[in-house]
Amino acid sequence: MRVLGRNRKDNRGLSLIELIVVIAIMGVLVGVLSPMFIKYVDRSRKSKDVYTAAQIAKAVNIAFVEHPEVYEAFCD
């Protein structure tokens, strides 16, 4: 029983060296993963822009179909 009590008192958490090692590992992971994350963000922005352009094209086509006189004036 005394051994268990002694272990609980000695267990104070992470030492400074362990904390530095954990921070270093996190830094390496961030350094490796951040370029991939930036690629995914760029791809999502591009796909959002393509979707927006397609919606604008649809709206213009619908407007020309509903108002052919505007289309004729636009083409002249």
PDB file of N, CA and C in Angstrom:
ATOM      1  N   MET A   1       0.813  -1.198   0.000  1.00  0.00           N
ATOM      2  CA  MET A   1       0.000   0.000   0.000  1.00  0.00           C
ATOM      3  C   MET A   1       0.859   1.266   0.000  1.00  0.00           C
ATOM      4  N   ARG A   2       1.963   1.238   0.681  1.00  0.00           N
ATOM      5  CA  ARG A   2       2.812   2.420   0.727  1.00  0.00           C
ATOM      6  C   ARG A   2       3.387   2.749  -0.651  1.00  0.00           C
ATOM      7  N   VAL A   3       3.624   1.754  -1.461  1.00  0.00           N
ATOM      8  CA  VAL A   3       4.182   1.970  -2.800  1.00  0.00           C
ATOM      9  C   VAL A   3       3.187   2.740  -3.654  1.00  0.00           C
ATOM     10  N   LEU A   4       1.907   2.399  -3.588  1.00  0.00           N
ATOM     11  CA  LEU A   4       0.902   3.114  -4.370  1.00  0.00           C
ATOM     12  C   LEU A   4       0.803   4.572  -3.939  1.00  0.00           C
ATOM     13  N   GLY A   5       0.837   4.823  -2.659  1.00  0.00           N
ATOM     14  CA  GLY A   5       0.769   6.194  -2.150  1.00  0.00           C
ATOM     15  C   GLY A   5       1.958   7.014  -2.578  1.00  0.00           C
ATOM     16  N   ARG A   6       3.122   6.395  -2.600  1.00  0.00           N
ATOM     17  CA  ARG A   6       4.337   7.089  -2.997  1.00  0.00           C
ATOM     18  C   ARG A   6       4.309   7.433  -4.490  1.00  0.00           C
ATOM     19  N   ASN A   7       3.779   6.547  -5.329  1.00  0.00           N
ATOM     20  CA  ASN A   7       3.688   6.808  -6.753  1.00  0.00           C
ATOM     21  C   ASN A   7       2.765   7.980  -7.039  1.00  0.00           C
ATOM     22  N   ARG A   8       1.699   8.081  -6.319  1.00  0.00           N
ATOM     23  CA  ARG A   8       0.777   9.197  -6.551  1.00  0.00           C
ATOM     24  C   ARG A   8       1.407  10.539  -6.205  1.00  0.00           C
ATOM     25  N   LYS A   9       2.214  10.593  -5.179  1.00  0.00           N
ATOM     26  CA  LYS A   9       2.861  11.847  -4.789  1.00  0.00           C
ATOM     27  C   LYS A   9       3.978  12.220  -5.761  1.00  0.00           C
ATOM     28  N   ASP A  10       4.665  11.213  -6.315  1.00  0.00           N
ATOM     29  CA  ASP A  10       5.774  11.483  -7.226  1.00  0.00           C
ATOM     30  C   ASP A  10       5.300  11.851  -8.633  1.00  0.00           C
ATOM     31  N   ASN A  11       4.077  11.509  -8.987  1.00  0.00           N
ATOM     32  CA  ASN A  11       3.555  11.773 -10.324  1.00  0.00           C
ATOM     33  C   ASN A  11       3.045  13.219 -10.371  1.00  0.00           C
ATOM     34  N   ARG A  12       3.890  14.118 -10.799  1.00  0.00           N
ATOM     35  CA  ARG A  12       3.543  15.544 -10.818  1.00  0.00           C
ATOM     36  C   ARG A  12       3.166  16.056 -12.199  1.00  0.00           C
ATOM     37  N   GLY A  13       3.205  15.212 -13.227  1.00  0.00           N
ATOM     38  CA  GLY A  13       2.861  15.638 -14.578  1.00  0.00           C
ATOM     39  C   GLY A  13       4.060  15.569 -15.491  1.00  0.00           C
ATOM     40  N   LEU A  14       4.045  16.383 -16.530  1.00  0.00           N
ATOM     41  CA  LEU A  14       5.118  16.366 -17.524  1.00  0.00           C
ATOM     42  C   LEU A  14       6.322  17.144 -17.029  1.00  0.00           C
ATOM     43  N   SER A  15       7.504  16.633 -17.335  1.00  0.00           N
ATOM     44  CA  SER A  15       8.712  17.386 -17.036  1.00  0.00           C
ATOM     45  C   SER A  15       8.940  18.397 -18.159  1.00  0.00           C
ATOM     46  N   LEU A  16       9.875  19.272 -17.962  1.00  0.00           N
ATOM     47  CA  LEU A  16      10.167  20.299 -18.954  1.00  0.00           C
ATOM     48  C   LEU A  16      10.673  19.673 -20.255  1.00  0.00           C
ATOM     49  N   ILE A  17      11.495  18.644 -20.163  1.00  0.00           N
ATOM     50  CA  ILE A  17      12.028  17.975 -21.354  1.00  0.00           C
ATOM     51  C   ILE A  17      10.898  17.335 -22.148  1.00  0.00           C
ATOM     52  N   GLU A  18       9.982  16.669 -21.451  1.00  0.00           N
ATOM     53  CA  GLU A  18       8.855  16.037 -22.139  1.00  0.00           C
ATOM     54  C   GLU A  18       7.991  17.081 -22.838  1.00  0.00           C
ATOM     55  N   LEU A  19       7.792  18.200 -22.187  1.00  0.00           N
ATOM     56  CA  LEU A  19       6.998  19.275 -22.780  1.00  0.00           C
ATOM     57  C   LEU A  19       7.677  19.836 -24.030  1.00  0.00           C
ATOM     58  N   ILE A  20       8.980  20.003 -23.983  1.00  0.00           N
ATOM     59  CA  ILE A  20       9.721  20.506 -25.145  1.00  0.00           C
ATOM     60  C   ILE A  20       9.643  19.512 -26.298  1.00  0.00           C
ATOM     61  N   VAL A  21       9.739  18.217 -25.992  1.00  0.00           N
ATOM     62  CA  VAL A  21       9.653  17.193 -27.033  1.00  0.00           C
ATOM     63  C   VAL A  21       8.270  17.211 -27.684  1.00  0.00           C
ATOM     64  N   VAL A  22       7.228  17.336 -26.884  1.00  0.00           N
ATOM     65  CA  VAL A  22       5.870  17.381 -27.428  1.00  0.00           C
ATOM     66  C   VAL A  22       5.687  18.599 -28.315  1.00  0.00           C
ATOM     67  N   ILE A  23       6.184  19.745 -27.899  1.00  0.00           N
ATOM     68  CA  ILE A  23       6.071  20.966 -28.700  1.00  0.00           C
ATOM     69  C   ILE A  23       6.866  20.830 -29.996  1.00  0.00           C
ATOM     70  N   ALA A  24       8.019  20.199 -29.948  1.00  0.00           N
ATOM     71  CA  ALA A  24       8.822  19.994 -31.167  1.00  0.00           C
ATOM     72  C   ALA A  24       8.097  19.076 -32.145  1.00  0.00           C
ATOM     73  N   ILE A  25       7.499  18.012 -31.640  1.00  0.00           N
ATOM     74  CA  ILE A  25       6.754  17.096 -32.513  1.00  0.00           C
ATOM     75  C   ILE A  25       5.574  17.817 -33.142  1.00  0.00           C
ATOM     76  N   MET A  26       4.876  18.630 -32.371  1.00  0.00           N
ATOM     77  CA  MET A  26       3.744  19.386 -32.923  1.00  0.00           C
ATOM     78  C   MET A  26       4.217  20.362 -33.987  1.00  0.00           C
ATOM     79  N   GLY A  27       5.361  20.988 -33.779  1.00  0.00           N
ATOM     80  CA  GLY A  27       5.913  21.907 -34.777  1.00  0.00           C
ATOM     81  C   GLY A  27       6.244  21.210 -36.080  1.00  0.00           C
ATOM     82  N   VAL A  28       6.815  20.019 -35.990  1.00  0.00           N
ATOM     83  CA  VAL A  28       7.129  19.251 -37.194  1.00  0.00           C
ATOM     84  C   VAL A  28       5.855  18.870 -37.921  1.00  0.00           C
ATOM     85  N   LEU A  29       4.843  18.422 -37.183  1.00  0.00           N
ATOM     86  CA  LEU A  29       3.567  18.052 -37.814  1.00  0.00           C
ATOM     87  C   LEU A  29       2.919  19.241 -38.504  1.00  0.00           C
ATOM     88  N   VAL A  30       2.937  20.395 -37.869  1.00  0.00           N
ATOM     89  CA  VAL A  30       2.363  21.596 -38.488  1.00  0.00           C
ATOM     90  C   VAL A  30       3.155  21.972 -39.737  1.00  0.00           C
ATOM     91  N   GLY A  31       4.455  21.859 -39.678  1.00  0.00           N
ATOM     92  CA  GLY A  31       5.282  22.186 -40.834  1.00  0.00           C
ATOM     93  C   GLY A  31       5.039  21.258 -42.012  1.00  0.00           C
ATOM     94  N   VAL A  32       4.754  20.005 -41.732  1.00  0.00           N
ATOM     95  CA  VAL A  32       4.513  19.037 -42.799  1.00  0.00           C
ATOM     96  C   VAL A  32       3.093  19.166 -43.344  1.00  0.00           C
ATOM     97  N   LEU A  33       2.130  19.380 -42.469  1.00  0.00           N
ATOM     98  CA  LEU A  33       0.726  19.371 -42.890  1.00  0.00           C
ATOM     99  C   LEU A  33       0.228  20.706 -43.439  1.00  0.00           C
ATOM    100  N   SER A  34       0.868  21.806 -43.102  1.00  0.00           N
ATOM    101  CA  SER A  34       0.352  23.100 -43.548  1.00  0.00           C
ATOM    102  C   SER A  34       0.374  23.277 -45.074  1.00  0.00           C
ATOM    103  N   PRO A  35       1.390  22.839 -45.813  1.00  0.00           N
ATOM    104  CA  PRO A  35       1.311  22.978 -47.282  1.00  0.00           C
ATOM    105  C   PRO A  35       0.149  22.201 -47.888  1.00  0.00           C
ATOM    106  N   MET A  36      -0.129  21.021 -47.343  1.00  0.00           N
ATOM    107  CA  MET A  36      -1.256  20.245 -47.863  1.00  0.00           C
ATOM    108  C   MET A  36      -2.575  20.940 -47.546  1.00  0.00           C
ATOM    109  N   PHE A  37      -2.675  21.527 -46.369  1.00  0.00           N
ATOM    110  CA  PHE A  37      -3.887  22.251 -46.002  1.00  0.00           C
ATOM    111  C   PHE A  37      -4.090  23.460 -46.911  1.00  0.00           C
ATOM    112  N   ILE A  38      -3.017  24.150 -47.235  1.00  0.00           N
ATOM    113  CA  ILE A  38      -3.109  25.317 -48.122  1.00  0.00           C
ATOM    114  C   ILE A  38      -3.581  24.886 -49.512  1.00  0.00           C
ATOM    115  N   LYS A  39      -3.114  23.717 -50.000  1.00  0.00           N
ATOM    116  CA  LYS A  39      -3.575  23.214 -51.296  1.00  0.00           C
ATOM    117  C   LYS A  39      -5.077  22.961 -51.276  1.00  0.00           C
ATOM    118  N   TYR A  40      -5.570  22.352 -50.191  1.00  0.00           N
ATOM    119  CA  TYR A  40      -7.001  22.063 -50.093  1.00  0.00           C
ATOM    120  C   TYR A  40      -7.821  23.343 -50.044  1.00  0.00           C
ATOM    121  N   VAL A  41      -7.332  24.351 -49.355  1.00  0.00           N
ATOM    122  CA  VAL A  41      -8.040  25.633 -49.295  1.00  0.00           C
ATOM    123  C   VAL A  41      -8.083  26.273 -50.675  1.00  0.00           C
ATOM    124  N   ASP A  42      -6.977  26.240 -51.410  1.00  0.00           N
ATOM    125  CA  ASP A  42      -6.950  26.805 -52.768  1.00  0.00           C
ATOM    126  C   ASP A  42      -7.907  26.069 -53.699  1.00  0.00           C
ATOM    127  N   ARG A  43      -7.928  24.739 -53.599  1.00  0.00           N
ATOM    128  CA  ARG A  43      -8.852  23.968 -54.440  1.00  0.00           C
ATOM    129  C   ARG A  43     -10.301  24.314 -54.129  1.00  0.00           C
ATOM    130  N   SER A  44     -10.621  24.468 -52.863  1.00  0.00           N
ATOM    131  CA  SER A  44     -12.011  24.779 -52.521  1.00  0.00           C
ATOM    132  C   SER A  44     -12.384  26.177 -53.006  1.00  0.00           C
ATOM    133  N   ARG A  45     -11.461  27.119 -52.939  1.00  0.00           N
ATOM    134  CA  ARG A  45     -11.739  28.464 -53.456  1.00  0.00           C
ATOM    135  C   ARG A  45     -11.970  28.440 -54.968  1.00  0.00           C
ATOM    136  N   LYS A  46     -11.144  27.672 -55.677  1.00  0.00           N
ATOM    137  CA  LYS A  46     -11.300  27.585 -57.127  1.00  0.00           C
ATOM    138  C   LYS A  46     -12.626  26.937 -57.497  1.00  0.00           C
ATOM    139  N   SER A  47     -12.987  25.868 -56.805  1.00  0.00           N
ATOM    140  CA  SER A  47     -14.252  25.205 -57.131  1.00  0.00           C
ATOM    141  C   SER A  47     -15.437  26.099 -56.786  1.00  0.00           C
ATOM    142  N   LYS A  48     -15.309  26.893 -55.735  1.00  0.00           N
ATOM    143  CA  LYS A  48     -16.374  27.845 -55.397  1.00  0.00           C
ATOM    144  C   LYS A  48     -16.498  28.905 -56.493  1.00  0.00           C
ATOM    145  N   ASP A  49     -15.379  29.387 -57.006  1.00  0.00           N
ATOM    146  CA  ASP A  49     -15.408  30.382 -58.082  1.00  0.00           C
ATOM    147  C   ASP A  49     -16.029  29.807 -59.356  1.00  0.00           C
ATOM    148  N   VAL A  50     -15.697  28.561 -59.676  1.00  0.00           N
ATOM    149  CA  VAL A  50     -16.273  27.918 -60.864  1.00  0.00           C
ATOM    150  C   VAL A  50     -17.785  27.774 -60.698  1.00  0.00           C
ATOM    151  N   TYR A  51     -18.221  27.386 -59.514  1.00  0.00           N
ATOM    152  CA  TYR A  51     -19.652  27.240 -59.249  1.00  0.00           C
ATOM    153  C   TYR A  51     -20.359  28.598 -59.376  1.00  0.00           C
ATOM    154  N   THR A  52     -19.767  29.640 -58.844  1.00  0.00           N
ATOM    155  CA  THR A  52     -20.361  30.977 -58.935  1.00  0.00           C
ATOM    156  C   THR A  52     -20.452  31.436 -60.385  1.00  0.00           C
ATOM    157  N   ALA A  53     -19.409  31.186 -61.169  1.00  0.00           N
ATOM    158  CA  ALA A  53     -19.438  31.568 -62.584  1.00  0.00           C
ATOM    159  C   ALA A  53     -20.521  30.798 -63.334  1.00  0.00           C
ATOM    160  N   ALA A  54     -20.706  29.526 -63.005  1.00  0.00           N
ATOM    161  CA  ALA A  54     -21.755  28.745 -63.645  1.00  0.00           C
ATOM    162  C   ALA A  54     -23.140  29.287 -63.286  1.00  0.00           C
ATOM    163  N   GLN A  55     -23.327  29.703 -62.056  1.00  0.00           N
ATOM    164  CA  GLN A  55     -24.606  30.275 -61.645  1.00  0.00           C
ATOM    165  C   GLN A  55     -24.872  31.601 -62.366  1.00  0.00           C
ATOM    166  N   ILE A  56     -23.841  32.403 -62.540  1.00  0.00           N
ATOM    167  CA  ILE A  56     -23.998  33.667 -63.268  1.00  0.00           C
ATOM    168  C   ILE A  56     -24.355  33.393 -64.723  1.00  0.00           C
ATOM    169  N   ALA A  57     -23.690  32.413 -65.333  1.00  0.00           N
ATOM    170  CA  ALA A  57     -23.983  32.061 -66.732  1.00  0.00           C
ATOM    171  C   ALA A  57     -25.429  31.587 -66.867  1.00  0.00           C
ATOM    172  N   LYS A  58     -25.898  30.779 -65.913  1.00  0.00           N
ATOM    173  CA  LYS A  58     -27.294  30.331 -65.946  1.00  0.00           C
ATOM    174  C   LYS A  58     -28.260  31.508 -65.843  1.00  0.00           C
ATOM    175  N   ALA A  59     -27.963  32.444 -64.952  1.00  0.00           N
ATOM    176  CA  ALA A  59     -28.833  33.606 -64.773  1.00  0.00           C
ATOM    177  C   ALA A  59     -28.881  34.459 -66.036  1.00  0.00           C
ATOM    178  N   VAL A  60     -27.741  34.626 -66.694  1.00  0.00           N
ATOM    179  CA  VAL A  60     -27.699  35.405 -67.936  1.00  0.00           C
ATOM    180  C   VAL A  60     -28.496  34.700 -69.025  1.00  0.00           C
ATOM    181  N   ASN A  61     -28.344  33.391 -69.139  1.00  0.00           N
ATOM    182  CA  ASN A  61     -29.098  32.642 -70.144  1.00  0.00           C
ATOM    183  C   ASN A  61     -30.598  32.735 -69.891  1.00  0.00           C
ATOM    184  N   ILE A  62     -31.005  32.615 -68.644  1.00  0.00           N
ATOM    185  CA  ILE A  62     -32.428  32.722 -68.310  1.00  0.00           C
ATOM    186  C   ILE A  62     -32.950  34.123 -68.644  1.00  0.00           C
ATOM    187  N   ALA A  63     -32.157  35.135 -68.357  1.00  0.00           N
ATOM    188  CA  ALA A  63     -32.575  36.504 -68.662  1.00  0.00           C
ATOM    189  C   ALA A  63     -32.718  36.711 -70.159  1.00  0.00           C
ATOM    190  N   PHE A  64     -31.810  36.149 -70.949  1.00  0.00           N
ATOM    191  CA  PHE A  64     -31.910  36.281 -72.406  1.00  0.00           C
ATOM    192  C   PHE A  64     -33.103  35.527 -72.954  1.00  0.00           C
ATOM    193  N   VAL A  65     -33.446  34.391 -72.372  1.00  0.00           N
ATOM    194  CA  VAL A  65     -34.599  33.622 -72.840  1.00  0.00           C
ATOM    195  C   VAL A  65     -35.895  34.354 -72.498  1.00  0.00           C
ATOM    196  N   GLU A  66     -35.949  34.918 -71.302  1.00  0.00           N
ATOM    197  CA  GLU A  66     -37.174  35.614 -70.876  1.00  0.00           C
ATOM    198  C   GLU A  66     -37.347  36.956 -71.576  1.00  0.00           C
ATOM    199  N   HIS A  67     -36.257  37.575 -71.981  1.00  0.00           N
ATOM    200  CA  HIS A  67     -36.313  38.893 -72.632  1.00  0.00           C
ATOM    201  C   HIS A  67     -35.457  38.858 -73.903  1.00  0.00           C
ATOM    202  N   PRO A  68     -36.000  38.332 -75.005  1.00  0.00           N
ATOM    203  CA  PRO A  68     -35.202  38.203 -76.235  1.00  0.00           C
ATOM    204  C   PRO A  68     -34.797  39.552 -76.831  1.00  0.00           C
ATOM    205  N   GLU A  69     -35.569  40.586 -76.560  1.00  0.00           N
ATOM    206  CA  GLU A  69     -35.199  41.902 -77.105  1.00  0.00           C
ATOM    207  C   GLU A  69     -33.881  42.397 -76.512  1.00  0.00           C
ATOM    208  N   VAL A  70     -33.619  42.036 -75.271  1.00  0.00           N
ATOM    209  CA  VAL A  70     -32.350  42.420 -74.642  1.00  0.00           C
ATOM    210  C   VAL A  70     -31.202  41.662 -75.303  1.00  0.00           C
ATOM    211  N   TYR A  71     -31.446  40.391 -75.627  1.00  0.00           N
ATOM    212  CA  TYR A  71     -30.406  39.592 -76.292  1.00  0.00           C
ATOM    213  C   TYR A  71     -30.084  40.184 -77.661  1.00  0.00           C
ATOM    214  N   GLU A  72     -31.099  40.600 -78.395  1.00  0.00           N
ATOM    215  CA  GLU A  72     -30.873  41.185 -79.710  1.00  0.00           C
ATOM    216  C   GLU A  72     -30.128  42.502 -79.598  1.00  0.00           C
ATOM    217  N   ALA A  73     -30.458  43.294 -78.579  1.00  0.00           N
ATOM    218  CA  ALA A  73     -29.743  44.561 -78.373  1.00  0.00           C
ATOM    219  C   ALA A  73     -28.306  44.312 -77.914  1.00  0.00           C
ATOM    220  N   PHE A  74     -28.125  43.259 -77.171  1.00  0.00           N
ATOM    221  CA  PHE A  74     -26.789  42.921 -76.676  1.00  0.00           C
ATOM    222  C   PHE A  74     -25.880  42.453 -77.798  1.00  0.00           C
ATOM    223  N   CYS A  75     -26.433  41.718 -78.732  1.00  0.00           N
ATOM    224  CA  CYS A  75     -25.633  41.182 -79.840  1.00  0.00           C
ATOM    225  C   CYS A  75     -25.326  42.222 -80.906  1.00  0.00           C
ATOM    226  N   ASP A  76     -26.077  43.253 -80.965  1.00  0.00           N
ATOM    227  CA  ASP A  76     -25.839  44.281 -82.014  1.00  0.00           C
ATOM    228  C   ASP A  76     -24.654  45.131 -81.750  1.00  0.00           C
TER     229      ASP A  76
END
